[in-house]
């Protein structure tokens, strides 16, 4: 039996972007927050570092803007950067009012009342607000607690969005608009229709397109894939940020060693204990992430080692336990005493700097569709995201999107929206096809579309992905919906977008480094725009 839901606002994703938006619009109408796993399972929940925001008298908006522009390698929109940076303090103050507790430090009199500011790669000043090394988890806690007080907000856990519903898809030749989304109830196996005049994509990134990633399993590029299929432009998908320091240990799945460890003096060394960043960049181990990741990749290839090491043994055990409790505990669980031993680390896919093209208030080219957070491309990050600017962007743009959407009509037009049609689709009989293709995509992307690229490898990847996409599409139309199939369909599309974007950029800029075009182009900087 078909199930229809009608809400004034629909939010896909339950990270900082989606929850902030939901809180801001809940006073005006009913809100559905749809999330693939439990409500706290998001990229935000795994964010260790914090929020980059100017709060110190020693810092300034100009310095934060300059650091962001420098990291972005010529592709940031300066007006967007300045606007988000300057709005940051007000939005963070609202987050604190909701119950978010940032770590404080003792002043000279021993009283705790000053915010403790961390420092990360590419930042010229200490400006990272954090809750020790579990900032994302604390943000999720505060936002979910605030949402729980709103009776007009319904959270659909274990529901996976399949596709956006647009008036054009329904057969209307003009006045195209997003009017809802088809959603899979994972537990029941039934596809439901969720109707709304305003749909927000807050689905995060696509880290699971790569074999090694710091992202949770949910990060399969769903929002980018759905928007692209709906005809919405996406930009700069070639800029995949590899975090330089993912814990290298068989028992440590996707565990990030925060950049804040290097901010507190951690030094990258090779197996012989030699610091190898000294001659690479003036900021040494605290250089921007693209530079550090490439240097680690080169060091691993030069030495034939499996990993490099992050040495913070100069700090006391007490300091490490207080400043990095989660990292300290995880290392101890893996038999590593970070107070006396360097931590083995490797780069891993971490952040999608491109995404669905939006205005600075989250508006896409498709009326009724909004996008905020890692899924979106506002112009803030350019060719390389400055550390801890992501939570800042999500917070600011979600607030702006809510303000903008509340100025528009809320009531939905009474379009006749048909229920999902499965037709003659059968129950999946050979799940090995899905799992094999999933593994192949991730291995292919790691081998051919990683930190250092070549045209030959990218061309091979594009050819194989075309074949995989055909296989996945055939499976998609012949078998009933499962969350694994939904994610695989999105993953193969987003992987293809990354490769196509990378092939079209004939230069090395920011996170996109290719041996065939090792220098910056002499032409003016441009975005890579792809549209179905």
Protein backbone atom coordinates (compact mmCIF):
# COMPACT_ATOMS: atom_id res chain seq x y z
CA UNK A 1 0.00 0.00 0.00
CA UNK A 2 1.40 3.40 -1.01
CA UNK A 3 2.23 5.82 1.79
CA UNK A 4 2.15 9.59 1.27
CA UNK A 5 3.54 12.16 3.70
CA UNK A 6 3.02 15.92 3.39
CA UNK A 7 5.25 18.40 5.19
CA UNK A 8 5.93 22.10 4.80
CA UNK A 9 9.68 21.42 4.83
CA UNK A 10 11.70 18.27 4.15
CA UNK A 11 15.32 17.94 5.26
CA UNK A 12 17.49 15.13 3.90
CA UNK A 13 20.29 14.55 6.41
CA UNK A 14 20.74 15.02 10.13
CA UNK A 15 24.10 16.76 10.48
CA UNK A 16 24.74 20.34 11.56
CA UNK A 17 23.36 21.77 8.29
CA UNK A 18 20.09 19.84 8.28
CA UNK A 19 19.36 20.19 11.99
CA UNK A 20 20.15 23.92 12.05
CA UNK A 21 17.80 24.51 9.12
CA UNK A 22 15.07 22.37 10.71
CA UNK A 23 15.29 24.31 13.97
CA UNK A 24 14.99 27.63 12.19
CA UNK A 25 11.92 26.72 10.11
CA UNK A 26 10.06 24.61 12.68
CA UNK A 27 8.26 27.62 14.13
CA UNK A 28 6.58 28.25 10.76
CA UNK A 29 5.52 24.78 9.69
CA UNK A 30 5.85 21.03 9.85
CA UNK A 31 9.31 19.54 9.22
CA UNK A 32 10.41 16.05 8.23
CA UNK A 33 14.06 15.19 8.85
CA UNK A 34 14.96 12.08 6.86
CA UNK A 35 18.15 10.18 7.66
CA UNK A 36 19.57 6.87 6.42
CA UNK A 37 20.69 5.56 9.80
CA UNK A 38 19.97 6.85 13.31
CA UNK A 39 19.55 10.56 13.80
CA UNK A 40 23.07 11.14 15.17
CA UNK A 41 24.84 9.26 12.37
CA UNK A 42 26.28 12.03 10.20
CA UNK A 43 29.63 13.42 9.09
CA UNK A 44 29.14 16.13 11.71
CA UNK A 45 29.11 13.51 14.45
CA UNK A 46 32.63 12.43 13.47
CA UNK A 47 34.12 15.92 13.24
CA UNK A 48 36.95 16.11 15.75
CA UNK A 49 38.55 19.49 15.08
CA UNK A 50 35.95 22.20 15.54
CA UNK A 51 34.56 25.42 14.07
CA UNK A 52 36.89 28.06 12.65
CA UNK A 53 35.61 31.42 13.84
CA UNK A 54 37.20 34.73 14.84
CA UNK A 55 36.81 35.28 18.60
CA UNK A 56 40.26 36.41 19.74
CA UNK A 57 41.58 39.98 19.93
CA UNK A 58 44.74 38.67 18.27
CA UNK A 59 42.73 37.50 15.25
CA UNK A 60 40.69 39.34 12.62
CA UNK A 61 38.18 38.72 9.87
CA UNK A 62 40.77 39.86 7.34
CA UNK A 63 43.24 37.21 8.50
CA UNK A 64 40.61 34.45 8.38
CA UNK A 65 39.57 35.57 4.89
CA UNK A 66 43.20 35.66 3.75
CA UNK A 67 43.89 32.15 5.08
CA UNK A 68 40.76 30.80 3.37
CA UNK A 69 41.61 32.40 0.04
CA UNK A 70 45.18 31.13 0.16
CA UNK A 71 44.06 27.57 0.87
CA UNK A 72 41.43 27.77 -1.90
CA UNK A 73 44.11 28.30 -4.58
CA UNK A 74 42.36 31.00 -6.56
CA UNK A 75 38.87 29.47 -6.81
CA UNK A 76 37.20 30.90 -3.69
CA UNK A 77 34.63 33.65 -4.16
CA UNK A 78 35.97 36.38 -1.93
CA UNK A 79 32.57 37.94 -1.28
CA UNK A 80 31.21 34.57 -0.13
CA UNK A 81 34.25 33.95 2.06
CA UNK A 82 34.03 37.33 3.75
CA UNK A 83 30.30 37.07 4.32
CA UNK A 84 30.50 33.63 5.95
CA UNK A 85 33.55 34.53 8.05
CA UNK A 86 31.97 37.75 9.34
CA UNK A 87 28.65 36.05 10.15
CA UNK A 88 30.33 33.19 12.00
CA UNK A 89 30.52 34.67 15.52
CA UNK A 90 26.78 35.42 15.64
CA UNK A 91 25.85 31.91 14.51
CA UNK A 92 28.22 30.29 17.00
CA UNK A 93 26.73 32.44 19.77
CA UNK A 94 23.30 31.02 18.87
CA UNK A 95 24.71 27.50 19.00
CA UNK A 96 26.05 28.16 22.50
CA UNK A 97 22.62 29.47 23.53
CA UNK A 98 21.14 26.13 22.41
CA UNK A 99 23.40 24.33 24.87
CA UNK A 100 26.63 23.68 22.95
CA UNK A 101 29.61 23.66 25.31
CA UNK A 102 33.01 24.47 23.87
CA UNK A 103 36.19 23.68 25.77
CA UNK A 104 37.43 26.51 27.96
CA UNK A 105 40.86 27.16 29.36
CA UNK A 106 42.12 28.56 32.63
CA UNK A 107 43.26 32.14 32.72
CA UNK A 108 46.05 33.35 34.96
CA UNK A 109 43.82 33.31 38.04
CA UNK A 110 42.79 29.68 37.56
CA UNK A 111 39.18 30.52 36.64
CA UNK A 112 37.69 28.82 33.57
CA UNK A 113 35.98 31.41 31.43
CA UNK A 114 37.97 31.81 28.21
CA UNK A 115 37.32 29.65 25.16
CA UNK A 116 40.24 27.41 24.29
CA UNK A 117 41.26 28.06 20.69
CA UNK A 118 42.96 25.36 18.64
CA UNK A 119 45.15 25.82 15.59
CA UNK A 120 45.06 23.73 12.43
CA UNK A 121 46.77 23.58 9.05
CA UNK A 122 46.67 26.76 6.97
CA UNK A 123 45.51 28.99 9.84
CA UNK A 124 47.72 31.93 10.80
CA UNK A 125 46.06 32.29 14.23
CA UNK A 126 44.42 30.11 16.86
CA UNK A 127 40.71 30.28 16.00
CA UNK A 128 39.28 26.75 16.25
CA UNK A 129 36.49 26.44 18.81
CA UNK A 130 36.29 22.83 19.93
CA UNK A 131 34.84 20.46 22.49
CA UNK A 132 38.13 18.65 23.18
CA UNK A 133 38.37 16.25 20.20
CA UNK A 134 34.66 15.33 19.94
CA UNK A 135 33.27 18.65 18.70
CA UNK A 136 30.91 17.13 16.13
CA UNK A 137 29.38 14.77 18.65
CA UNK A 138 28.67 17.64 21.03
CA UNK A 139 27.10 19.72 18.25
CA UNK A 140 24.81 16.81 17.35
CA UNK A 141 23.83 16.41 20.99
CA UNK A 142 22.94 20.09 21.40
CA UNK A 143 20.97 20.34 18.15
CA UNK A 144 19.06 17.09 18.63
CA UNK A 145 18.15 18.11 22.17
CA UNK A 146 16.80 21.41 20.87
CA UNK A 147 14.86 19.69 18.08
CA UNK A 148 13.29 17.28 20.57
CA UNK A 149 11.43 20.25 22.04
CA UNK A 150 9.66 20.95 18.73
CA UNK A 151 6.44 18.95 18.30
CA UNK A 152 6.23 19.89 14.60
CA UNK A 153 9.47 18.10 13.72
CA UNK A 154 9.31 14.43 12.73
CA UNK A 155 12.55 12.48 12.34
CA UNK A 156 12.46 9.50 9.99
CA UNK A 157 15.37 7.26 10.92
CA UNK A 158 16.48 4.41 8.65
CA UNK A 159 14.90 6.04 5.60
CA UNK A 160 16.94 6.51 2.41
CA UNK A 161 16.06 9.13 -0.20
CA UNK A 162 15.95 7.61 -3.71
CA UNK A 163 15.14 10.48 -6.04
CA UNK A 164 13.78 14.00 -6.07
CA UNK A 165 10.29 14.53 -7.49
CA UNK A 166 10.06 17.46 -9.91
CA UNK A 167 7.16 18.86 -11.91
CA UNK A 168 9.11 18.16 -15.11
CA UNK A 169 9.44 14.49 -14.19
CA UNK A 170 5.69 14.47 -13.59
CA UNK A 171 5.13 15.63 -17.17
CA UNK A 172 4.75 19.39 -16.75
CA UNK A 173 6.55 21.22 -19.55
CA UNK A 174 6.90 24.55 -17.73
CA UNK A 175 7.24 25.89 -14.20
CA UNK A 176 9.66 23.18 -13.11
CA UNK A 177 10.02 22.79 -9.37
CA UNK A 178 11.03 20.25 -6.75
CA UNK A 179 7.82 19.02 -5.09
CA UNK A 180 9.06 16.17 -2.94
CA UNK A 181 11.16 13.04 -2.74
CA UNK A 182 10.73 9.27 -2.99
CA UNK A 183 12.08 7.60 0.16
CA UNK A 184 12.82 3.97 1.01
CA UNK A 185 11.73 2.73 4.43
CA UNK A 186 14.77 0.52 4.99
CA UNK A 187 13.18 -1.73 7.59
CA UNK A 188 9.91 -2.27 5.74
CA UNK A 189 11.34 -2.28 2.23
CA UNK A 190 8.57 0.06 1.04
CA UNK A 191 9.05 3.22 -1.02
CA UNK A 192 7.12 6.19 0.37
CA UNK A 193 6.25 9.53 -1.21
CA UNK A 194 7.15 12.63 0.80
CA UNK A 195 5.56 15.77 -0.64
CA UNK A 196 6.80 19.27 0.13
CA UNK A 197 7.30 22.61 -1.58
CA UNK A 198 10.74 22.99 0.00
CA UNK A 199 13.35 20.21 0.10
CA UNK A 200 16.78 20.74 1.66
CA UNK A 201 19.75 18.56 0.71
CA UNK A 202 22.02 18.23 3.73
CA UNK A 203 23.33 14.80 2.82
CA UNK A 204 27.08 15.36 3.28
CA UNK A 205 29.80 14.16 0.95
CA UNK A 206 31.02 11.14 -0.96
CA UNK A 207 34.01 9.76 0.97
CA UNK A 208 32.84 6.16 0.53
CA UNK A 209 33.68 6.45 -3.17
CA UNK A 210 37.24 5.77 -2.02
CA UNK A 211 38.75 2.67 -0.49
CA UNK A 212 40.26 4.59 2.42
CA UNK A 213 38.21 7.37 3.98
CA UNK A 214 37.61 9.10 7.27
CA UNK A 215 33.88 9.26 6.49
CA UNK A 216 31.13 7.05 7.95
CA UNK A 217 29.39 4.49 5.74
CA UNK A 218 26.53 6.90 4.94
CA UNK A 219 28.77 9.21 2.86
CA UNK A 220 27.82 7.92 -0.59
CA UNK A 221 27.19 11.19 -2.44
CA UNK A 222 23.41 10.82 -2.40
CA UNK A 223 22.54 14.52 -2.56
CA UNK A 224 24.89 15.30 -5.45
CA UNK A 225 23.60 12.29 -7.40
CA UNK A 226 19.93 13.14 -6.86
CA UNK A 227 20.43 16.81 -7.77
CA UNK A 228 22.42 15.93 -10.90
CA UNK A 229 19.72 13.49 -12.06
CA UNK A 230 17.20 16.31 -11.55
CA UNK A 231 19.18 18.56 -13.92
CA UNK A 232 20.83 20.74 -11.27
CA UNK A 233 24.43 21.80 -12.03
CA UNK A 234 27.28 20.48 -9.86
CA UNK A 235 30.70 22.09 -9.66
CA UNK A 236 34.33 21.31 -8.84
CA UNK A 237 33.89 17.62 -8.07
CA UNK A 238 37.55 16.99 -8.90
CA UNK A 239 38.54 18.64 -5.61
CA UNK A 240 38.39 15.76 -3.14
CA UNK A 241 40.30 16.60 0.02
CA UNK A 242 42.41 13.82 1.45
CA UNK A 243 42.98 14.22 5.15
CA UNK A 244 46.68 13.63 5.72
CA UNK A 245 46.36 11.68 8.95
CA UNK A 246 44.01 8.73 9.21
CA UNK A 247 45.05 6.16 11.85
CA UNK A 248 46.83 3.26 10.13
CA UNK A 249 45.86 0.13 12.02
CA UNK A 250 43.79 -2.95 11.10
CA UNK A 251 41.42 -2.33 14.04
CA UNK A 252 40.90 1.34 13.23
CA UNK A 253 38.24 1.68 10.54
CA UNK A 254 38.10 5.25 9.19
CA UNK A 255 39.46 6.80 12.40
CA UNK A 256 40.75 10.33 11.97
CA UNK A 257 43.72 11.76 13.82
CA UNK A 258 42.65 15.39 14.04
CA UNK A 259 44.71 18.15 12.49
CA UNK A 260 44.57 19.72 15.93
CA UNK A 261 47.23 17.20 17.00
CA UNK A 262 49.62 18.93 14.61
CA UNK A 263 48.26 22.25 15.85
CA UNK A 264 49.53 21.31 19.31
CA UNK A 265 53.01 20.56 17.99
CA UNK A 266 52.70 17.11 16.42
CA UNK A 267 55.38 16.50 13.78
CA UNK A 268 55.17 14.21 10.76
CA UNK A 269 58.14 11.85 10.57
CA UNK A 270 59.08 8.83 8.47
CA UNK A 271 59.95 5.37 9.76
CA UNK A 272 63.48 6.54 10.57
CA UNK A 273 62.09 9.30 12.77
CA UNK A 274 63.10 12.09 10.38
CA UNK A 275 60.76 15.07 9.93
CA UNK A 276 60.11 15.32 6.19
CA UNK A 277 57.91 18.44 5.96
CA UNK A 278 60.66 20.91 6.87
CA UNK A 279 61.76 21.53 3.29
CA UNK A 280 58.28 21.22 1.75
CA UNK A 281 56.44 24.26 3.12
CA UNK A 282 57.17 27.13 5.54
CA UNK A 283 54.40 25.86 7.86
CA UNK A 284 56.01 22.40 7.88
CA UNK A 285 53.59 19.84 9.39
CA UNK A 286 50.87 22.50 9.57
CA UNK A 287 50.87 23.27 5.85
CA UNK A 288 47.52 23.18 3.99
CA UNK A 289 46.06 19.70 3.65
CA UNK A 290 46.68 19.23 -0.07
CA UNK A 291 50.39 19.91 0.38
CA UNK A 292 50.71 17.66 3.42
CA UNK A 293 48.77 14.81 1.79
CA UNK A 294 50.95 14.93 -1.35
CA UNK A 295 54.11 15.03 0.75
CA UNK A 296 53.02 11.96 2.73
CA UNK A 297 52.08 10.17 -0.48
CA UNK A 298 55.51 10.97 -1.94
CA UNK A 299 57.30 9.86 1.24
CA UNK A 300 55.45 6.55 1.33
CA UNK A 301 56.27 5.91 -2.33
CA UNK A 302 59.90 6.98 -1.87
CA UNK A 303 60.55 4.72 1.10
CA UNK A 304 58.22 1.86 0.20
CA UNK A 305 56.67 2.09 3.68
CA UNK A 306 53.01 1.47 4.41
CA UNK A 307 52.58 4.67 6.42
CA UNK A 308 54.30 7.63 8.05
CA UNK A 309 54.08 8.71 11.71
CA UNK A 310 52.78 11.63 13.71
CA UNK A 311 54.97 12.34 16.73
CA UNK A 312 53.54 14.34 19.63
CA UNK A 313 55.55 12.65 22.38
CA UNK A 314 56.96 16.01 23.49
CA UNK A 315 53.58 16.73 25.14
CA UNK A 316 52.78 15.32 28.57
CA UNK A 317 50.47 12.36 29.03
CA UNK A 318 48.12 14.53 31.11
CA UNK A 319 47.86 17.11 28.31
CA UNK A 320 47.15 14.46 25.67
CA UNK A 321 44.47 12.78 27.78
CA UNK A 322 42.71 16.10 28.45
CA UNK A 323 43.05 17.65 24.98
CA UNK A 324 42.54 14.50 22.88
CA UNK A 325 40.59 11.98 25.00
CA UNK A 326 38.97 10.14 22.07
CA UNK A 327 42.18 9.93 20.04
CA UNK A 328 44.19 8.88 23.11
CA UNK A 329 41.66 6.14 23.92
CA UNK A 330 41.50 4.86 20.34
CA UNK A 331 45.27 4.71 20.06
CA UNK A 332 45.45 2.86 23.40
CA UNK A 333 42.80 0.41 22.16
CA UNK A 334 45.10 -0.32 19.21
CA UNK A 335 48.13 -0.77 21.44
CA UNK A 336 49.64 2.65 20.68
CA UNK A 337 50.74 4.90 23.54
CA UNK A 338 50.75 8.32 21.87
CA UNK A 339 52.56 9.80 24.87
CA UNK A 340 55.63 7.65 24.13
CA UNK A 341 55.12 6.39 20.56
CA UNK A 342 54.53 8.16 17.23
CA UNK A 343 51.10 7.42 15.71
CA UNK A 344 51.07 5.55 12.36
CA UNK A 345 49.03 7.54 9.81
CA UNK A 346 48.09 7.55 6.11
CA UNK A 347 46.06 9.98 3.97
CA UNK A 348 42.38 9.13 3.38
CA UNK A 349 39.53 10.68 1.43
CA UNK A 350 37.94 13.21 3.75
CA UNK A 351 35.95 16.09 2.25
CA UNK A 352 34.15 16.94 -0.98
CA UNK A 353 35.01 20.56 -1.77
CA UNK A 354 32.70 20.76 -4.78
CA UNK A 355 29.03 19.87 -4.95
CA UNK A 356 25.60 21.13 -5.95
CA UNK A 357 25.89 24.72 -7.17
CA UNK A 358 24.13 27.10 -4.80
CA UNK A 359 23.90 30.76 -3.95
CA UNK A 360 25.39 31.87 -0.60
CA UNK A 361 21.98 31.20 0.99
CA UNK A 362 21.75 27.60 -0.22
CA UNK A 363 19.41 28.17 -3.17
CA UNK A 364 19.88 25.86 -6.20
CA UNK A 365 18.81 26.48 -9.80
CA UNK A 366 15.76 24.23 -9.24
CA UNK A 367 13.00 26.13 -7.38
CA UNK A 368 12.04 24.39 -4.17
CA UNK A 369 15.44 22.65 -3.83
CA UNK A 370 18.03 23.92 -1.38
CA UNK A 371 21.46 22.51 -0.48
CA UNK A 372 23.67 23.23 2.53
CA UNK A 373 26.90 21.81 3.91
CA UNK A 374 29.32 19.43 2.24
CA UNK A 375 26.79 18.54 -0.47
CA UNK A 376 26.82 22.14 -1.73
CA UNK A 377 29.28 24.34 -3.58
CA UNK A 378 28.88 27.94 -2.41
CA UNK A 379 32.30 29.25 -3.45
CA UNK A 380 33.74 29.22 0.09
CA UNK A 381 36.21 26.36 -0.25
CA UNK A 382 37.52 26.85 -3.77
CA UNK A 383 40.09 24.22 -4.75
CA UNK A 384 40.92 23.24 -1.17
CA UNK A 385 38.97 23.67 2.07
CA UNK A 386 40.68 25.43 4.95
CA UNK A 387 40.52 23.21 8.05
CA UNK A 388 37.37 23.60 10.20
CA UNK A 389 35.67 25.98 7.76
CA UNK A 390 33.13 23.25 6.96
CA UNK A 391 31.12 23.40 10.19
CA UNK A 392 31.26 27.20 9.96
CA UNK A 393 29.80 27.12 6.44
CA UNK A 394 27.09 24.64 7.38
CA UNK A 395 26.01 26.73 10.37
CA UNK A 396 25.95 30.06 8.53
CA UNK A 397 24.40 28.90 5.24
CA UNK A 398 21.74 26.77 6.99
CA UNK A 399 20.65 29.88 8.89
CA UNK A 400 20.58 31.90 5.68
CA UNK A 401 18.65 29.20 3.82
CA UNK A 402 16.02 29.08 6.55
CA UNK A 403 15.64 32.86 6.44
CA UNK A 404 15.30 32.79 2.65
CA UNK A 405 12.84 29.90 2.52
CA UNK A 406 10.58 31.53 5.09
CA UNK A 407 10.13 34.47 2.74
CA UNK A 408 8.62 32.17 0.11
CA UNK A 409 5.17 30.57 -0.01
CA UNK A 410 5.01 27.42 2.12
CA UNK A 411 1.75 25.80 1.02
CA UNK A 412 2.28 23.19 -1.69
CA UNK A 413 0.50 23.24 -5.00
CA UNK A 414 -1.84 20.28 -5.25
CA UNK A 415 0.01 18.45 -8.02
CA UNK A 416 -1.04 14.87 -8.58
CA UNK A 417 2.05 12.93 -7.52
CA UNK A 418 1.93 9.24 -8.39
CA UNK A 419 3.22 6.65 -5.93
CA UNK A 420 6.48 4.84 -6.61
CA UNK A 421 6.04 2.14 -9.24
CA UNK A 422 8.12 -1.01 -8.82
CA UNK A 423 6.50 -2.71 -11.82
CA UNK A 424 7.79 -6.24 -12.45
CA UNK A 425 10.90 -5.72 -10.30
CA UNK A 426 11.96 -8.84 -8.44
CA UNK A 427 13.53 -9.37 -5.05
CA UNK A 428 17.34 -9.19 -5.32
CA UNK A 429 18.72 -12.68 -5.88
CA UNK A 430 22.46 -12.08 -6.15
CA UNK A 431 23.59 -9.39 -3.74
CA UNK A 432 27.17 -10.32 -4.58
CA UNK A 433 26.75 -8.16 -7.72
CA UNK A 434 26.13 -5.08 -5.57
CA UNK A 435 28.96 -5.78 -3.15
CA UNK A 436 31.44 -6.61 -5.93
CA UNK A 437 30.67 -3.41 -7.83
CA UNK A 438 30.86 -1.37 -4.63
CA UNK A 439 34.34 -2.74 -3.87
CA UNK A 440 35.50 -2.28 -7.45
CA UNK A 441 34.44 1.37 -7.54
CA UNK A 442 36.24 2.17 -4.30
CA UNK A 443 39.45 0.36 -5.32
CA UNK A 444 39.37 1.95 -8.78
CA UNK A 445 38.93 5.45 -7.36
CA UNK A 446 41.75 4.94 -4.86
CA UNK A 447 44.16 3.60 -7.49
CA UNK A 448 43.31 5.91 -10.40
CA UNK A 449 41.73 9.07 -8.96
CA UNK A 450 43.71 9.62 -5.78
CA UNK A 451 46.08 12.27 -4.45
CA UNK A 452 48.31 12.27 -7.57
CA UNK A 453 46.61 11.72 -10.93
CA UNK A 454 47.47 11.16 -14.59
CA UNK A 455 45.34 11.48 -17.70
CA UNK A 456 45.95 7.83 -18.56
CA UNK A 457 44.68 6.60 -15.19
CA UNK A 458 41.70 8.95 -15.26
CA UNK A 459 40.75 7.75 -18.76
CA UNK A 460 40.89 4.14 -17.61
CA UNK A 461 38.70 5.02 -14.63
CA UNK A 462 36.16 6.80 -16.84
CA UNK A 463 35.91 3.80 -19.19
CA UNK A 464 35.40 1.28 -16.40
CA UNK A 465 32.89 3.50 -14.60
CA UNK A 466 30.78 3.73 -17.74
CA UNK A 467 30.57 -0.06 -17.82
CA UNK A 468 29.81 -0.25 -14.12
CA UNK A 469 27.12 2.39 -14.44
CA UNK A 470 25.39 0.34 -17.14
CA UNK A 471 25.51 -2.76 -14.94
CA UNK A 472 24.12 -0.86 -11.95
CA UNK A 473 21.34 0.74 -13.99
CA UNK A 474 20.25 -2.65 -15.32
CA UNK A 475 20.18 -4.04 -11.79
CA UNK A 476 18.33 -0.93 -10.55
CA UNK A 477 15.45 -1.35 -13.01
CA UNK A 478 15.13 -5.12 -12.62
CA UNK A 479 15.18 -5.55 -8.84
CA UNK A 480 13.32 -4.11 -5.90
CA UNK A 481 14.83 -1.28 -3.95
CA UNK A 482 17.32 -1.82 -1.12
CA UNK A 483 19.49 0.76 0.61
CA UNK A 484 22.62 -0.92 -0.79
CA UNK A 485 21.28 -0.51 -4.32
CA UNK A 486 20.28 3.11 -3.69
CA UNK A 487 23.79 3.90 -2.46
CA UNK A 488 25.57 1.98 -5.22
CA UNK A 489 23.57 3.82 -7.89
CA UNK A 490 24.56 7.15 -6.35
CA UNK A 491 28.16 6.12 -5.77
CA UNK A 492 28.86 5.11 -9.37
CA UNK A 493 27.36 8.38 -10.64
CA UNK A 494 29.32 10.58 -8.24
CA UNK A 495 32.55 8.68 -8.99
CA UNK A 496 31.94 9.36 -12.68
CA UNK A 497 31.38 13.07 -11.97
CA UNK A 498 34.68 13.25 -10.07
CA UNK A 499 36.55 11.62 -12.95
CA UNK A 500 34.86 13.71 -15.66
CA UNK A 501 35.65 16.90 -13.75
CA UNK A 502 39.26 15.85 -13.21
CA UNK A 503 39.72 15.05 -16.92
CA UNK A 504 38.42 18.48 -17.89
CA UNK A 505 40.89 20.40 -15.69
CA UNK A 506 44.19 20.71 -17.56
CA UNK A 507 46.22 22.12 -14.69
CA UNK A 508 47.22 21.32 -11.14
CA UNK A 509 45.32 23.48 -8.66
CA UNK A 510 44.63 22.88 -5.00
CA UNK A 511 43.51 19.32 -4.40
CA UNK A 512 43.67 18.34 -8.07
CA UNK A 513 47.27 17.42 -8.89
CA UNK A 514 48.06 15.76 -12.20
CA UNK A 515 51.49 14.83 -13.50
CA UNK A 516 50.42 15.64 -17.06
CA UNK A 517 49.64 19.27 -16.16
CA UNK A 518 51.79 20.00 -13.08
CA UNK A 519 51.48 23.80 -13.26
CA UNK A 520 48.66 26.30 -12.91
CA UNK A 521 46.97 27.25 -16.15
CA UNK A 522 47.72 30.72 -17.49
CA UNK A 523 44.00 31.19 -18.17
CA UNK A 524 41.77 32.85 -15.54
CA UNK A 525 40.64 30.45 -12.78
CA UNK A 526 37.39 28.66 -13.61
CA UNK A 527 34.92 26.34 -11.96
CA UNK A 528 34.23 22.93 -13.48
CA UNK A 529 30.48 22.81 -14.10
CA UNK A 530 28.71 19.55 -14.99
CA UNK A 531 25.01 19.26 -15.75
CA UNK A 532 22.83 16.43 -17.03
